[in-house]
C-alpha atoms as a PDB file:
ATOM      1  CA  MET A   1      17.469  -6.995  -1.044  1.00  0.00           C
ATOM      2  CA  ASP A   2      16.643  -5.112  -4.221  1.00  0.00           C
ATOM      3  CA  PRO A   3      18.161  -1.658  -4.909  1.00  0.00           C
ATOM      4  CA  ILE A   4      14.904   0.251  -4.349  1.00  0.00           C
ATOM      5  CA  THR A   5      14.301  -1.330  -0.948  1.00  0.00           C
ATOM      6  CA  THR A   6      17.933  -0.710  -0.031  1.00  0.00           C
ATOM      7  CA  SER A   7      17.694   2.947  -1.027  1.00  0.00           C
ATOM      8  CA  ILE A   8      14.469   3.458   0.913  1.00  0.00           C
ATOM      9  CA  SER A   9      15.960   1.711   3.956  1.00  0.00           C
ATOM     10  CA  ILE A  10      19.029   3.951   3.861  1.00  0.00           C
ATOM     11  CA  LEU A  11      16.870   7.081   3.589  1.00  0.00           C
ATOM     12  CA  VAL A  12      14.647   5.967   6.464  1.00  0.00           C
ATOM     13  CA  LEU A  13      17.638   5.086   8.631  1.00  0.00           C
ATOM     14  CA  GLY A  14      19.155   8.485   7.888  1.00  0.00           C
ATOM     15  CA  ASP A  15      15.960  10.258   8.845  1.00  0.00           C
ATOM     16  CA  ASN A  16      15.624   8.224  12.031  1.00  0.00           C
ATOM     17  CA  SER A  17      19.236   8.958  12.925  1.00  0.00           C
ATOM     18  CA  LEU A  18      18.690  12.665  12.377  1.00  0.00           C
ATOM     19  CA  SER A  19      15.518  12.518  14.459  1.00  0.00           C
ATOM     20  CA  ALA A  20      17.425  10.802  17.271  1.00  0.00           C
ATOM     21  CA  SER A  21      20.255  13.307  16.977  1.00  0.00           C
ATOM     22  CA  ASN A  22      17.898  16.286  17.042  1.00  0.00           C
ATOM     23  CA  ALA A  23      16.183  14.875  20.104  1.00  0.00           C
ATOM     24  CA  GLY A  24      19.544  14.548  21.817  1.00  0.00           C
ATOM     25  CA  LEU A  25      18.616  10.905  22.411  1.00  0.00           C
ATOM     26  CA  GLN A  26      16.471  12.129  25.301  1.00  0.00           C
ATOM     27  CA  ASN A  27      13.374  10.636  23.729  1.00  0.00           C
ATOM     28  CA  GLY A  28      13.528   6.899  24.393  1.00  0.00           C
ATOM     29  CA  THR A  29      10.906   6.046  21.791  1.00  0.00           C
ATOM     30  CA  THR A  30      13.008   7.638  19.039  1.00  0.00           C
ATOM     31  CA  LEU A  31      16.021   5.605  20.083  1.00  0.00           C
ATOM     32  CA  VAL A  32      14.018   2.370  20.287  1.00  0.00           C
ATOM     33  CA  SER A  33      12.391   3.040  16.908  1.00  0.00           C
ATOM     34  CA  ALA A  34      15.722   3.854  15.242  1.00  0.00           C
ATOM     35  CA  THR A  35      17.282   0.734  16.745  1.00  0.00           C
ATOM     36  CA  GLY A  36      14.366  -1.395  15.531  1.00  0.00           C
ATOM     37  CA  GLN A  37      14.789  -0.044  12.012  1.00  0.00           C
ATOM     38  CA  ILE A  38      18.521  -0.777  12.077  1.00  0.00           C
ATOM     39  CA  VAL A  39      17.872  -4.355  13.220  1.00  0.00           C
ATOM     40  CA  ALA A  40      15.252  -4.747  10.473  1.00  0.00           C
ATOM     41  CA  THR A  41      17.676  -3.454   7.851  1.00  0.00           C
ATOM     42  CA  ILE A  42      20.378  -5.877   8.941  1.00  0.00           C
ATOM     43  CA  GLY A  43      17.837  -8.702   9.090  1.00  0.00           C
ATOM     44  CA  SER A  44      16.623  -7.901   5.581  1.00  0.00           C
ATOM     45  CA  ALA A  45      19.632  -9.612   4.028  1.00  0.00           C
ATOM     46  CA  THR A  46      17.382 -12.582   3.256  1.00  0.00           C
ATOM     47  CA  PRO A  47      13.622 -12.927   2.736  1.00  0.00           C
ATOM     48  CA  ALA A  48      13.380 -15.043   5.902  1.00  0.00           C
ATOM     49  CA  GLY A  49      15.184 -12.353   7.883  1.00  0.00           C
ATOM     50  CA  THR A  50      12.842  -9.734   6.468  1.00  0.00           C
ATOM     51  CA  ILE A  51       9.805 -11.723   7.572  1.00  0.00           C
ATOM     52  CA  ALA A  52      11.354 -12.196  11.015  1.00  0.00           C
ATOM     53  CA  THR A  53      12.433  -8.602  11.724  1.00  0.00           C
ATOM     54  CA  ASN A  54      10.432  -6.071   9.709  1.00  0.00           C
ATOM     55  CA  PRO A  55       6.985  -6.629  11.264  1.00  0.00           C
ATOM     56  CA  GLY A  56       8.468  -6.011  14.728  1.00  0.00           C
ATOM     57  CA  ALA A  57      10.187  -2.844  13.554  1.00  0.00           C
ATOM     58  CA  ALA A  58       6.928  -1.656  11.991  1.00  0.00           C
ATOM     59  CA  VAL A  59       5.027  -2.240  15.245  1.00  0.00           C
ATOM     60  CA  VAL A  60       7.641  -0.430  17.357  1.00  0.00           C
ATOM     61  CA  THR A  61       7.679   2.545  14.989  1.00  0.00           C
ATOM     62  CA  ALA A  62       3.869   2.604  14.794  1.00  0.00           C
ATOM     63  CA  ILE A  63       3.735   2.725  18.598  1.00  0.00           C
ATOM     64  CA  LYS A  64       6.200   5.640  18.521  1.00  0.00           C
ATOM     65  CA  ILE A  65       3.965   7.452  16.013  1.00  0.00           C
ATOM     66  CA  GLY A  66       0.978   6.920  18.312  1.00  0.00           C
ATOM     67  CA  LEU A  67       2.872   8.165  21.359  1.00  0.00           C
ATOM     68  CA  ASP A  68       4.130  11.221  19.470  1.00  0.00           C
ATOM     69  CA  PHE A  69       0.588  11.991  18.330  1.00  0.00           C
ATOM     70  CA  GLN A  70      -0.860  11.585  21.827  1.00  0.00           C
ATOM     71  CA  SER A  71       1.738  13.861  23.379  1.00  0.00           C
ATOM     72  CA  GLY A  72       1.168  16.571  20.780  1.00  0.00           C
ATOM     73  CA  LYS A  73       4.516  16.134  19.046  1.00  0.00           C
ATOM     74  CA  PRO A  74       4.601  16.267  15.248  1.00  0.00           C
ATOM     75  CA  VAL A  75       4.602  12.932  13.492  1.00  0.00           C
ATOM     76  CA  GLN A  76       7.936  12.479  11.713  1.00  0.00           C
ATOM     77  CA  PRO A  77       7.607  11.696   7.983  1.00  0.00           C
ATOM     78  CA  GLY A  78      10.514   9.265   8.302  1.00  0.00           C
ATOM     79  CA  ASP A  79       8.575   7.244  10.869  1.00  0.00           C
ATOM     80  CA  VAL A  80       5.608   6.922   8.519  1.00  0.00           C
ATOM     81  CA  LEU A  81       7.932   5.960   5.656  1.00  0.00           C
ATOM     82  CA  ALA A  82       9.651   3.418   7.911  1.00  0.00           C
ATOM     83  CA  VAL A  83       6.355   1.686   8.710  1.00  0.00           C
ATOM     84  CA  ILE A  84       5.294   1.686   5.052  1.00  0.00           C
ATOM     85  CA  GLY A  85       8.710   0.412   3.967  1.00  0.00           C
ATOM     86  CA  ASP A  86       8.665  -2.344   6.577  1.00  0.00           C
ATOM     87  CA  LEU A  87       5.218  -3.473   5.437  1.00  0.00           C
ATOM     88  CA  PHE A  88       6.158  -3.441   1.748  1.00  0.00           C
ATOM     89  CA  ALA A  89       9.404  -5.304   2.435  1.00  0.00           C
ATOM     90  CA  THR A  90       7.513  -7.923   4.446  1.00  0.00           C
ATOM     91  CA  ALA A  91       4.917  -8.333   1.683  1.00  0.00           C
ATOM     92  CA  GLY A  92       7.695  -8.701  -0.892  1.00  0.00           C
ATOM     93  CA  ALA A  93       9.482 -11.296   1.214  1.00  0.00           C
ATOM     94  CA  ILE A  94       6.273 -13.273   1.642  1.00  0.00           C
ATOM     95  CA  ALA A  95       5.632 -13.056  -2.113  1.00  0.00           C
ATOM     96  CA  PHE A  96       9.095 -14.527  -2.635  1.00  0.00           C
ATOM     97  CA  TYR A  97       7.930 -17.765  -0.998  1.00  0.00           C
ATOM     98  CA  ILE A  98       4.554 -17.975  -2.770  1.00  0.00           C
ATOM     99  CA  PRO A  99       4.648 -20.168  -5.877  1.00  0.00           C
ATOM    100  CA  GLY A 100       4.178 -17.865  -8.835  1.00  0.00           C
ATOM    101  CA  GLY A 101       5.083 -14.848  -6.697  1.00  0.00           C
ATOM    102  CA  ALA A 102       8.218 -12.745  -7.000  1.00  0.00           C
ATOM    103  CA  GLY A 103      10.413 -15.804  -6.489  1.00  0.00           C
ATOM    104  CA  GLY A 104       8.611 -17.666  -9.246  1.00  0.00           C
ATOM    105  CA  LEU A 105       8.737 -14.949 -11.888  1.00  0.00           C
ATOM    106  CA  VAL A 106      11.640 -16.538 -13.706  1.00  0.00           C
ATOM    107  CA  ARG A 107      10.553 -19.964 -14.798  1.00  0.00           C
ATOM    108  CA  ARG A 108      12.386 -22.510 -16.795  1.00  0.00           C
ATOM    109  CA  HIS A 109      10.387 -23.745 -19.746  1.00  0.00           C
ATOM    110  CA  ASP A 110      10.737 -27.312 -20.821  1.00  0.00           C
ATOM    111  CA  TYR A 111      10.667 -27.288 -24.621  1.00  0.00           C
ATOM    112  CA  ARG A 112      10.588 -30.921 -25.693  1.00  0.00           C
END
């Protein structure tokens, strides 16, 4: 995982942890969302793990945002950042596997 993605993941995890702490873990959606983000961060060790875990974490957190909005609670900025980060990480991991994508940026030239 690149340093920018790592930094964003750490910030998002910190915000989710603070949100869960402030809620006293009484809000189940906050706990589920924070857990999903932690699983996605651990799974992001490889591009395949990112593709496997981040979309699920994004969906769980998006559902939490929707539930918060419906119940009149404020939408947490960390939740929005988590969804955006999960989507960008997934797109980057997919680009890694596309020929000519991020994984194909460094090419060996054959100078004969």
